[in-house]
């Protein structure tokens, strides 16, 4: 992976050489209630240890794949879909339901972890309120979570967020839509 941080813009971008894709990596600043560039700006591997350091506080972090916090602060894991729209721009889309199938947590910090959905009907310029749903209790495998009757829009974008500290995977997603008549 190749990581580059832009401190003045508060952004960190990572390129995955294996998957050939970029993703943004953030740190949630609880004091200012916003996401910023990642805590780790420098990385090294020493024997079997993965070590990271940043310029915020002079700390050295032990990085492990089975830890789901940044120095004790929840990591906001976000998945945003590509825009969904009618390529002919001839109709408005009505979204009857959105369903995601998630891998349930084996271990979680809360008894019933939550997933949040918000959506945009204008390509990501404005967003709906956050709608929370339970992912299911620890051990409930492959639970399906559904949001119904979301309305109509021209260019739909969906955002899913998890903050509970556990391994999180969206296994599948289903969208039920139909073309709506414009008035």
N, C-alpha and C. Protein backbone atom coordinates (compact mmCIF):
# COMPACT_ATOMS: atom_id res chain seq x y z
N UNK A 1 0.83 -1.17 0.00
CA UNK A 1 0.00 0.00 0.00
C UNK A 1 0.88 1.25 0.00
N UNK A 2 0.38 2.26 -0.67
CA UNK A 2 1.06 3.55 -0.68
C UNK A 2 0.11 4.55 -0.06
N UNK A 3 0.56 5.25 0.99
CA UNK A 3 -0.28 6.21 1.71
C UNK A 3 0.32 7.59 1.59
N UNK A 4 -0.54 8.57 1.31
CA UNK A 4 -0.10 9.96 1.24
C UNK A 4 -1.09 10.80 2.04
N UNK A 5 -0.54 11.70 2.87
CA UNK A 5 -1.35 12.53 3.74
C UNK A 5 -1.17 13.99 3.37
N UNK A 6 -2.29 14.72 3.36
CA UNK A 6 -2.32 16.15 3.11
C UNK A 6 -2.85 16.83 4.38
N UNK A 7 -1.95 17.16 5.33
CA UNK A 7 -2.40 17.69 6.63
C UNK A 7 -3.25 18.96 6.53
N UNK A 8 -2.90 19.88 5.66
CA UNK A 8 -3.68 21.13 5.58
C UNK A 8 -5.10 20.87 5.05
N UNK A 9 -5.25 19.85 4.21
CA UNK A 9 -6.58 19.48 3.71
C UNK A 9 -7.26 18.46 4.61
N UNK A 10 -6.50 17.95 5.59
CA UNK A 10 -6.99 16.92 6.52
C UNK A 10 -7.47 15.66 5.81
N UNK A 11 -6.69 15.23 4.81
CA UNK A 11 -7.04 14.05 4.01
C UNK A 11 -5.86 13.08 3.96
N UNK A 12 -6.18 11.79 4.00
CA UNK A 12 -5.20 10.73 3.79
C UNK A 12 -5.77 9.79 2.74
N UNK A 13 -5.00 9.54 1.69
CA UNK A 13 -5.41 8.62 0.62
C UNK A 13 -4.42 7.48 0.55
N UNK A 14 -4.95 6.26 0.33
CA UNK A 14 -4.13 5.05 0.29
C UNK A 14 -4.39 4.33 -1.02
N UNK A 15 -3.31 3.94 -1.69
CA UNK A 15 -3.43 3.15 -2.91
C UNK A 15 -3.08 1.71 -2.60
N UNK A 16 -3.99 0.80 -2.92
CA UNK A 16 -3.79 -0.63 -2.72
C UNK A 16 -3.25 -1.20 -4.03
N UNK A 17 -1.98 -1.59 -4.03
CA UNK A 17 -1.34 -2.10 -5.25
C UNK A 17 -1.96 -3.42 -5.72
N UNK A 18 -2.45 -4.23 -4.79
CA UNK A 18 -3.02 -5.52 -5.18
C UNK A 18 -4.36 -5.33 -5.86
N UNK A 19 -5.25 -4.53 -5.24
CA UNK A 19 -6.58 -4.30 -5.81
C UNK A 19 -6.60 -3.21 -6.88
N UNK A 20 -5.54 -2.41 -6.93
CA UNK A 20 -5.43 -1.30 -7.90
C UNK A 20 -6.53 -0.26 -7.69
N UNK A 21 -6.78 0.08 -6.42
CA UNK A 21 -7.79 1.09 -6.09
C UNK A 21 -7.28 2.00 -4.98
N UNK A 22 -7.83 3.22 -4.94
CA UNK A 22 -7.56 4.18 -3.89
C UNK A 22 -8.69 4.13 -2.88
N UNK A 23 -8.39 4.41 -1.62
CA UNK A 23 -9.42 4.63 -0.61
C UNK A 23 -8.95 5.70 0.36
N UNK A 24 -9.90 6.35 0.99
CA UNK A 24 -9.57 7.38 1.97
C UNK A 24 -9.49 6.73 3.34
N UNK A 25 -8.49 7.11 4.10
CA UNK A 25 -8.32 6.62 5.47
C UNK A 25 -8.46 7.83 6.39
N UNK A 26 -9.28 7.69 7.43
CA UNK A 26 -9.54 8.82 8.32
C UNK A 26 -9.32 8.46 9.77
N UNK A 27 -9.32 9.48 10.60
CA UNK A 27 -9.33 9.38 12.05
C UNK A 27 -10.45 10.27 12.53
N UNK A 28 -11.27 9.75 13.47
CA UNK A 28 -12.40 10.52 13.96
C UNK A 28 -11.97 11.37 15.14
N UNK A 29 -11.99 12.67 14.96
CA UNK A 29 -11.63 13.63 16.00
C UNK A 29 -12.87 13.85 16.85
N UNK A 30 -12.92 13.21 18.03
CA UNK A 30 -14.09 13.31 18.91
C UNK A 30 -14.30 14.71 19.44
N UNK A 31 -13.22 15.45 19.67
CA UNK A 31 -13.31 16.80 20.22
C UNK A 31 -14.03 17.73 19.23
N UNK A 32 -13.65 17.66 17.96
CA UNK A 32 -14.24 18.52 16.93
C UNK A 32 -15.38 17.86 16.18
N UNK A 33 -15.69 16.59 16.50
CA UNK A 33 -16.78 15.84 15.88
C UNK A 33 -16.69 15.84 14.36
N UNK A 34 -15.51 15.44 13.87
CA UNK A 34 -15.32 15.34 12.41
C UNK A 34 -14.18 14.39 12.10
N UNK A 35 -14.20 13.93 10.85
CA UNK A 35 -13.14 13.04 10.38
C UNK A 35 -12.00 13.88 9.83
N UNK A 36 -10.79 13.43 10.11
CA UNK A 36 -9.59 14.11 9.64
C UNK A 36 -8.63 13.09 9.05
N UNK A 37 -7.47 13.59 8.60
CA UNK A 37 -6.46 12.67 8.07
C UNK A 37 -6.05 11.67 9.15
N UNK A 38 -5.58 10.53 8.70
CA UNK A 38 -5.29 9.40 9.59
C UNK A 38 -4.21 9.75 10.60
N UNK A 39 -4.29 9.14 11.78
CA UNK A 39 -3.29 9.34 12.84
C UNK A 39 -1.89 8.97 12.38
N UNK A 40 -1.79 7.86 11.65
CA UNK A 40 -0.48 7.35 11.26
C UNK A 40 -0.02 8.00 9.96
N UNK A 41 1.13 8.63 10.02
CA UNK A 41 1.71 9.23 8.82
C UNK A 41 3.03 8.56 8.44
N UNK A 42 3.62 7.82 9.37
CA UNK A 42 4.87 7.13 9.11
C UNK A 42 4.70 5.67 9.55
N UNK A 43 5.26 4.77 8.78
CA UNK A 43 5.09 3.34 9.06
C UNK A 43 6.41 2.61 8.88
N UNK A 44 6.61 1.60 9.72
CA UNK A 44 7.75 0.70 9.55
C UNK A 44 7.37 -0.67 10.10
N UNK A 45 8.06 -1.66 9.60
CA UNK A 45 7.89 -3.02 10.13
C UNK A 45 9.20 -3.41 10.78
N UNK A 46 9.11 -3.83 12.04
CA UNK A 46 10.28 -4.29 12.77
C UNK A 46 9.98 -5.70 13.24
N UNK A 47 10.73 -6.67 12.73
CA UNK A 47 10.49 -8.08 12.96
C UNK A 47 9.02 -8.37 12.62
N UNK A 48 8.20 -8.82 13.57
CA UNK A 48 6.80 -9.10 13.27
C UNK A 48 5.86 -7.99 13.72
N UNK A 49 6.41 -6.84 14.06
CA UNK A 49 5.60 -5.73 14.54
C UNK A 49 5.38 -4.71 13.43
N UNK A 50 4.16 -4.21 13.34
CA UNK A 50 3.83 -3.13 12.42
C UNK A 50 3.66 -1.87 13.25
N UNK A 51 4.53 -0.90 13.04
CA UNK A 51 4.55 0.30 13.87
C UNK A 51 4.22 1.53 13.04
N UNK A 52 3.44 2.42 13.63
CA UNK A 52 3.08 3.66 12.95
C UNK A 52 3.26 4.84 13.88
N UNK A 53 3.54 5.99 13.29
CA UNK A 53 3.69 7.22 14.07
C UNK A 53 3.12 8.38 13.28
N UNK A 54 2.77 9.43 13.99
CA UNK A 54 2.23 10.62 13.35
C UNK A 54 2.82 11.86 13.96
N UNK A 55 2.38 13.01 13.47
CA UNK A 55 2.92 14.27 13.97
C UNK A 55 2.01 14.94 15.00
N UNK A 56 0.83 14.37 15.26
CA UNK A 56 -0.12 15.00 16.19
C UNK A 56 0.38 14.98 17.63
N UNK A 57 0.89 13.82 18.07
CA UNK A 57 1.16 13.68 19.50
C UNK A 57 2.48 12.97 19.82
N UNK A 58 3.24 12.55 18.83
CA UNK A 58 4.52 11.90 19.07
C UNK A 58 4.41 10.45 19.51
N UNK A 59 3.22 9.89 19.51
CA UNK A 59 3.05 8.50 19.93
C UNK A 59 3.45 7.54 18.82
N UNK A 60 3.86 6.34 19.23
CA UNK A 60 4.10 5.25 18.31
C UNK A 60 2.99 4.23 18.54
N UNK A 61 2.33 3.81 17.47
CA UNK A 61 1.19 2.91 17.55
C UNK A 61 1.58 1.53 17.06
N UNK A 62 1.12 0.51 17.78
CA UNK A 62 1.24 -0.87 17.32
C UNK A 62 0.01 -1.14 16.48
N UNK A 63 0.21 -1.46 15.22
CA UNK A 63 -0.89 -1.67 14.29
C UNK A 63 -1.14 -3.17 14.14
N UNK A 64 -2.42 -3.57 14.40
CA UNK A 64 -2.79 -4.98 14.34
C UNK A 64 -4.08 -5.12 13.55
N UNK A 65 -4.19 -6.17 12.73
CA UNK A 65 -5.39 -6.32 11.90
C UNK A 65 -6.65 -6.67 12.68
N UNK A 66 -6.53 -7.11 13.93
CA UNK A 66 -7.71 -7.48 14.71
C UNK A 66 -8.09 -6.44 15.76
N UNK A 67 -7.59 -5.21 15.63
CA UNK A 67 -7.96 -4.11 16.51
C UNK A 67 -8.76 -3.12 15.66
N UNK A 68 -9.94 -2.75 16.14
CA UNK A 68 -10.86 -1.95 15.34
C UNK A 68 -11.08 -0.56 15.93
N UNK A 69 -10.04 -0.01 16.59
CA UNK A 69 -10.07 1.36 17.07
C UNK A 69 -8.77 2.04 16.69
N UNK A 70 -8.81 3.37 16.68
CA UNK A 70 -7.59 4.17 16.51
C UNK A 70 -7.25 4.73 17.88
N UNK A 71 -6.30 4.09 18.56
CA UNK A 71 -5.88 4.52 19.88
C UNK A 71 -7.06 4.64 20.83
N UNK A 72 -8.00 3.69 20.75
CA UNK A 72 -9.16 3.67 21.63
C UNK A 72 -10.38 4.40 21.10
N UNK A 73 -10.25 5.12 20.01
CA UNK A 73 -11.37 5.86 19.42
C UNK A 73 -11.97 5.02 18.29
N UNK A 74 -13.29 4.93 18.26
CA UNK A 74 -13.96 4.13 17.24
C UNK A 74 -13.56 4.57 15.84
N UNK A 75 -13.38 3.59 14.97
CA UNK A 75 -13.10 3.86 13.57
C UNK A 75 -14.44 3.90 12.83
N UNK A 76 -14.68 4.99 12.11
CA UNK A 76 -15.91 5.09 11.31
C UNK A 76 -15.62 4.43 9.96
N UNK A 77 -16.19 3.24 9.78
CA UNK A 77 -16.02 2.54 8.51
C UNK A 77 -17.20 2.88 7.63
N UNK A 78 -16.92 3.46 6.49
CA UNK A 78 -17.96 3.98 5.61
C UNK A 78 -17.86 3.36 4.23
N UNK A 79 -19.00 2.99 3.69
CA UNK A 79 -19.09 2.51 2.31
C UNK A 79 -20.09 3.39 1.59
N UNK A 80 -19.66 3.96 0.48
CA UNK A 80 -20.53 4.83 -0.32
C UNK A 80 -20.67 4.21 -1.70
N UNK A 81 -21.91 4.11 -2.18
CA UNK A 81 -22.16 3.48 -3.47
C UNK A 81 -21.89 4.45 -4.62
N UNK A 82 -21.76 3.89 -5.78
CA UNK A 82 -21.73 4.70 -7.00
C UNK A 82 -23.14 5.25 -7.22
N UNK A 83 -23.27 6.36 -7.93
CA UNK A 83 -24.60 6.91 -8.19
C UNK A 83 -25.46 5.96 -9.01
N UNK A 84 -26.73 5.92 -8.69
CA UNK A 84 -27.71 5.12 -9.40
C UNK A 84 -28.71 6.09 -10.02
N UNK A 85 -28.85 6.02 -11.35
CA UNK A 85 -29.76 6.95 -12.04
C UNK A 85 -30.19 6.33 -13.36
N UNK A 86 -31.19 6.94 -13.95
CA UNK A 86 -31.66 6.52 -15.27
C UNK A 86 -30.71 7.14 -16.30
N UNK A 87 -29.96 6.32 -17.06
CA UNK A 87 -28.98 6.87 -18.01
C UNK A 87 -29.62 7.73 -19.10
N UNK A 88 -30.89 7.52 -19.36
CA UNK A 88 -31.58 8.34 -20.37
C UNK A 88 -32.13 9.63 -19.78
N UNK A 89 -32.00 9.78 -18.47
CA UNK A 89 -32.51 10.94 -17.74
C UNK A 89 -33.97 11.21 -18.07
N UNK A 90 -34.72 10.15 -18.30
CA UNK A 90 -36.11 10.33 -18.67
C UNK A 90 -37.06 10.06 -17.51
N UNK A 91 -36.54 9.52 -16.40
CA UNK A 91 -37.46 9.26 -15.30
C UNK A 91 -36.78 9.41 -13.95
N UNK A 92 -37.60 9.63 -12.97
CA UNK A 92 -37.20 9.70 -11.58
C UNK A 92 -37.28 8.27 -11.04
N UNK A 93 -36.34 7.89 -10.19
CA UNK A 93 -36.35 6.55 -9.61
C UNK A 93 -37.01 6.57 -8.23
N UNK A 94 -37.90 5.62 -8.03
CA UNK A 94 -38.52 5.42 -6.72
C UNK A 94 -37.81 4.24 -6.07
N UNK A 95 -37.28 4.46 -4.87
CA UNK A 95 -36.60 3.38 -4.16
C UNK A 95 -37.55 2.84 -3.10
N UNK A 96 -38.02 1.62 -3.35
CA UNK A 96 -38.94 0.97 -2.43
C UNK A 96 -38.22 0.40 -1.22
N UNK A 97 -37.02 -0.17 -1.43
CA UNK A 97 -36.27 -0.70 -0.30
C UNK A 97 -34.79 -0.87 -0.64
N UNK A 98 -33.98 -0.80 0.41
CA UNK A 98 -32.55 -1.09 0.33
C UNK A 98 -32.30 -2.15 1.41
N UNK A 99 -31.66 -3.24 1.02
CA UNK A 99 -31.34 -4.31 1.95
C UNK A 99 -29.86 -4.63 1.85
N UNK A 100 -29.20 -4.74 2.99
CA UNK A 100 -27.82 -5.18 3.02
C UNK A 100 -27.74 -6.45 3.86
N UNK A 101 -26.88 -7.35 3.43
CA UNK A 101 -26.60 -8.57 4.18
C UNK A 101 -25.20 -8.39 4.75
N UNK A 102 -25.09 -8.48 6.07
CA UNK A 102 -23.81 -8.25 6.72
C UNK A 102 -23.36 -9.49 7.48
N UNK A 103 -22.05 -9.64 7.57
CA UNK A 103 -21.47 -10.70 8.41
C UNK A 103 -21.61 -10.23 9.84
N UNK A 104 -22.21 -11.04 10.67
CA UNK A 104 -22.42 -10.63 12.06
C UNK A 104 -21.11 -10.66 12.82
N UNK A 105 -21.03 -9.85 13.86
CA UNK A 105 -19.79 -9.81 14.65
C UNK A 105 -19.63 -11.08 15.49
N UNK A 106 -18.39 -11.54 15.58
CA UNK A 106 -18.08 -12.63 16.49
C UNK A 106 -17.88 -12.06 17.89
N UNK A 107 -17.28 -10.86 17.92
CA UNK A 107 -17.07 -10.13 19.16
C UNK A 107 -17.36 -8.67 18.84
N UNK A 108 -18.07 -7.98 19.72
CA UNK A 108 -18.38 -6.57 19.49
C UNK A 108 -18.35 -5.83 20.81
N UNK A 109 -18.13 -4.51 20.74
CA UNK A 109 -18.07 -3.71 21.96
C UNK A 109 -19.46 -3.50 22.56
N UNK A 110 -20.50 -3.54 21.75
CA UNK A 110 -21.85 -3.40 22.29
C UNK A 110 -22.60 -4.71 22.07
N UNK A 111 -23.67 -4.90 22.81
CA UNK A 111 -24.44 -6.14 22.71
C UNK A 111 -25.17 -6.27 21.38
N UNK A 112 -25.53 -5.13 20.80
CA UNK A 112 -26.26 -5.16 19.54
C UNK A 112 -25.74 -4.03 18.64
N UNK A 113 -24.66 -4.27 17.88
CA UNK A 113 -24.06 -3.24 17.04
C UNK A 113 -25.06 -2.68 16.02
N UNK A 114 -24.80 -1.45 15.57
CA UNK A 114 -25.70 -0.73 14.68
C UNK A 114 -25.02 -0.42 13.34
N UNK A 115 -25.83 -0.30 12.31
CA UNK A 115 -25.39 0.19 11.01
C UNK A 115 -26.25 1.41 10.68
N UNK A 116 -25.64 2.41 10.10
CA UNK A 116 -26.34 3.63 9.76
C UNK A 116 -26.42 3.74 8.24
N UNK A 117 -27.58 4.16 7.76
CA UNK A 117 -27.76 4.48 6.35
C UNK A 117 -28.19 5.92 6.24
N UNK A 118 -27.63 6.62 5.29
CA UNK A 118 -28.19 7.88 4.82
C UNK A 118 -28.05 7.85 3.31
N UNK A 119 -28.87 8.65 2.63
CA UNK A 119 -28.87 8.60 1.17
C UNK A 119 -29.01 10.01 0.61
N UNK A 120 -28.61 10.11 -0.63
CA UNK A 120 -28.73 11.36 -1.38
C UNK A 120 -29.54 11.06 -2.63
N UNK A 121 -30.43 11.95 -2.98
CA UNK A 121 -31.21 11.79 -4.21
C UNK A 121 -30.74 12.73 -5.31
N UNK A 122 -29.66 13.46 -5.03
CA UNK A 122 -29.15 14.43 -6.01
C UNK A 122 -27.65 14.24 -6.27
N UNK A 123 -27.20 13.00 -6.22
CA UNK A 123 -25.81 12.70 -6.56
C UNK A 123 -24.80 13.01 -5.47
N UNK A 124 -25.25 13.20 -4.23
CA UNK A 124 -24.33 13.43 -3.12
C UNK A 124 -24.21 14.87 -2.68
N UNK A 125 -25.03 15.76 -3.22
CA UNK A 125 -24.97 17.18 -2.83
C UNK A 125 -25.66 17.42 -1.48
N UNK A 126 -26.80 16.77 -1.26
CA UNK A 126 -27.50 16.85 0.02
C UNK A 126 -27.80 15.44 0.48
N UNK A 127 -27.99 15.28 1.80
CA UNK A 127 -28.14 13.94 2.37
C UNK A 127 -29.35 13.88 3.29
N UNK A 128 -29.92 12.68 3.40
CA UNK A 128 -31.04 12.43 4.31
C UNK A 128 -30.52 12.41 5.74
N UNK A 129 -31.45 12.30 6.68
CA UNK A 129 -31.07 12.06 8.07
C UNK A 129 -30.50 10.65 8.17
N UNK A 130 -29.74 10.40 9.25
CA UNK A 130 -29.19 9.07 9.48
C UNK A 130 -30.29 8.15 10.00
N UNK A 131 -30.30 6.93 9.48
CA UNK A 131 -31.28 5.93 9.91
C UNK A 131 -30.52 4.71 10.43
N UNK A 132 -30.67 4.44 11.72
CA UNK A 132 -29.93 3.36 12.38
C UNK A 132 -30.74 2.07 12.37
N UNK A 133 -30.03 0.95 12.24
CA UNK A 133 -30.62 -0.38 12.34
C UNK A 133 -29.65 -1.29 13.07
N UNK A 134 -30.20 -2.28 13.75
CA UNK A 134 -29.38 -3.27 14.43
C UNK A 134 -28.78 -4.23 13.39
N UNK A 135 -27.52 -4.57 13.58
CA UNK A 135 -26.88 -5.58 12.74
C UNK A 135 -27.23 -6.97 13.25
N UNK A 136 -27.70 -7.04 14.47
CA UNK A 136 -28.00 -8.32 15.09
C UNK A 136 -27.04 -8.56 16.24
N UNK A 137 -27.43 -9.46 17.08
CA UNK A 137 -26.59 -9.78 18.23
C UNK A 137 -25.39 -10.61 17.78
N UNK A 138 -24.39 -10.63 18.64
CA UNK A 138 -23.21 -11.46 18.38
C UNK A 138 -23.68 -12.89 18.15
N UNK A 139 -23.24 -13.48 17.04
CA UNK A 139 -23.60 -14.86 16.72
C UNK A 139 -24.77 -15.01 15.78
N UNK A 140 -25.53 -13.92 15.52
CA UNK A 140 -26.60 -13.98 14.51
C UNK A 140 -25.92 -13.83 13.16
N UNK A 141 -25.85 -14.88 12.39
CA UNK A 141 -25.04 -14.87 11.18
C UNK A 141 -25.83 -14.38 9.97
N UNK A 142 -25.16 -13.63 9.13
CA UNK A 142 -25.69 -13.18 7.83
C UNK A 142 -27.07 -12.54 7.95
N UNK A 143 -27.17 -11.56 8.82
CA UNK A 143 -28.45 -10.87 9.01
C UNK A 143 -28.69 -9.90 7.85
N UNK A 144 -29.95 -9.80 7.45
CA UNK A 144 -30.36 -8.84 6.42
C UNK A 144 -31.02 -7.65 7.09
N UNK A 145 -30.58 -6.47 6.72
CA UNK A 145 -31.11 -5.23 7.29
C UNK A 145 -31.78 -4.47 6.16
N UNK A 146 -33.02 -4.01 6.38
CA UNK A 146 -33.79 -3.36 5.32
C UNK A 146 -34.29 -2.00 5.76
N UNK A 147 -34.22 -1.06 4.84
CA UNK A 147 -34.84 0.25 4.99
C UNK A 147 -35.89 0.35 3.89
N UNK A 148 -37.12 0.70 4.24
CA UNK A 148 -38.23 0.72 3.29
C UNK A 148 -38.68 2.15 2.95
N UNK A 149 -39.34 2.25 1.78
CA UNK A 149 -40.01 3.47 1.32
C UNK A 149 -39.14 4.71 1.46
N UNK A 150 -38.05 4.75 0.72
CA UNK A 150 -37.13 5.87 0.83
C UNK A 150 -37.54 7.07 -0.03
N UNK A 151 -38.40 6.86 -1.01
CA UNK A 151 -38.89 8.00 -1.79
C UNK A 151 -38.41 7.98 -3.23
N UNK A 152 -38.42 9.17 -3.83
CA UNK A 152 -38.03 9.31 -5.22
C UNK A 152 -36.86 10.28 -5.34
N UNK A 153 -36.11 10.10 -6.41
CA UNK A 153 -34.98 10.97 -6.65
C UNK A 153 -34.42 10.75 -8.04
N UNK A 154 -33.51 11.60 -8.43
CA UNK A 154 -32.95 11.55 -9.78
C UNK A 154 -31.64 10.75 -9.80
N UNK A 155 -30.76 11.00 -8.82
CA UNK A 155 -29.45 10.35 -8.80
C UNK A 155 -29.16 9.90 -7.36
N UNK A 156 -29.39 8.61 -7.07
CA UNK A 156 -29.29 8.06 -5.73
C UNK A 156 -27.86 7.66 -5.39
N UNK A 157 -27.43 8.01 -4.17
CA UNK A 157 -26.16 7.56 -3.60
C UNK A 157 -26.47 7.11 -2.17
N UNK A 158 -25.92 5.95 -1.78
CA UNK A 158 -26.18 5.41 -0.45
C UNK A 158 -24.87 5.35 0.33
N UNK A 159 -24.96 5.68 1.62
CA UNK A 159 -23.80 5.64 2.50
C UNK A 159 -24.15 4.78 3.71
N UNK A 160 -23.29 3.80 4.00
CA UNK A 160 -23.44 2.93 5.16
C UNK A 160 -22.26 3.16 6.09
N UNK A 161 -22.53 3.30 7.39
CA UNK A 161 -21.47 3.57 8.37
C UNK A 161 -21.63 2.64 9.56
N UNK A 162 -20.49 2.11 10.01
CA UNK A 162 -20.40 1.30 11.23
C UNK A 162 -19.33 1.93 12.10
N UNK A 163 -19.59 2.06 13.40
CA UNK A 163 -18.56 2.56 14.31
C UNK A 163 -18.22 1.57 15.40
N UNK A 164 -19.02 0.52 15.57
CA UNK A 164 -18.71 -0.47 16.58
C UNK A 164 -17.40 -1.18 16.22
N UNK A 165 -16.66 -1.56 17.25
CA UNK A 165 -15.33 -2.14 17.06
C UNK A 165 -15.41 -3.65 16.82
N UNK A 166 -15.60 -4.03 15.57
CA UNK A 166 -15.58 -5.44 15.18
C UNK A 166 -15.29 -5.52 13.69
N UNK A 167 -14.95 -6.71 13.24
CA UNK A 167 -14.70 -6.93 11.82
C UNK A 167 -16.02 -6.78 11.07
N UNK A 168 -16.05 -5.92 10.09
CA UNK A 168 -17.29 -5.57 9.41
C UNK A 168 -17.20 -5.87 7.92
N UNK A 169 -18.21 -6.56 7.40
CA UNK A 169 -18.27 -6.84 5.97
C UNK A 169 -19.71 -6.75 5.49
N UNK A 170 -19.91 -6.04 4.41
CA UNK A 170 -21.19 -6.10 3.71
C UNK A 170 -21.05 -7.23 2.71
N UNK A 171 -21.85 -8.28 2.87
CA UNK A 171 -21.74 -9.44 2.01
C UNK A 171 -22.50 -9.27 0.71
N UNK A 172 -23.61 -8.53 0.76
CA UNK A 172 -24.44 -8.35 -0.42
C UNK A 172 -25.36 -7.16 -0.18
N UNK A 173 -25.87 -6.59 -1.25
CA UNK A 173 -26.82 -5.49 -1.14
C UNK A 173 -27.87 -5.64 -2.24
N UNK A 174 -29.09 -5.29 -1.89
CA UNK A 174 -30.21 -5.40 -2.81
C UNK A 174 -30.96 -4.08 -2.82
N UNK A 175 -31.39 -3.67 -3.98
CA UNK A 175 -32.13 -2.43 -4.14
C UNK A 175 -33.37 -2.71 -4.95
N UNK A 176 -34.51 -2.32 -4.44
CA UNK A 176 -35.75 -2.49 -5.17
C UNK A 176 -36.21 -1.11 -5.63
N UNK A 177 -36.22 -0.91 -6.95
CA UNK A 177 -36.57 0.40 -7.51
C UNK A 177 -37.61 0.23 -8.61
N UNK A 178 -38.17 1.35 -8.97
CA UNK A 178 -39.01 1.41 -10.16
C UNK A 178 -38.99 2.83 -10.68
N UNK A 179 -39.19 2.97 -11.96
CA UNK A 179 -39.24 4.30 -12.56
C UNK A 179 -40.52 4.97 -12.11
N UNK A 180 -40.41 6.20 -11.69
CA UNK A 180 -41.59 6.97 -11.28
C UNK A 180 -41.87 8.02 -12.32
N UNK A 181 -43.10 8.36 -12.50
CA UNK A 181 -43.46 9.37 -13.49
C UNK A 181 -43.15 10.75 -12.93
N UNK A 182 -42.56 11.59 -13.78
CA UNK A 182 -42.30 12.97 -13.39
C UNK A 182 -43.57 13.78 -13.55
N UNK A 183 -43.76 14.70 -12.66
CA UNK A 183 -44.94 15.57 -12.73
C UNK A 183 -44.55 16.98 -13.05
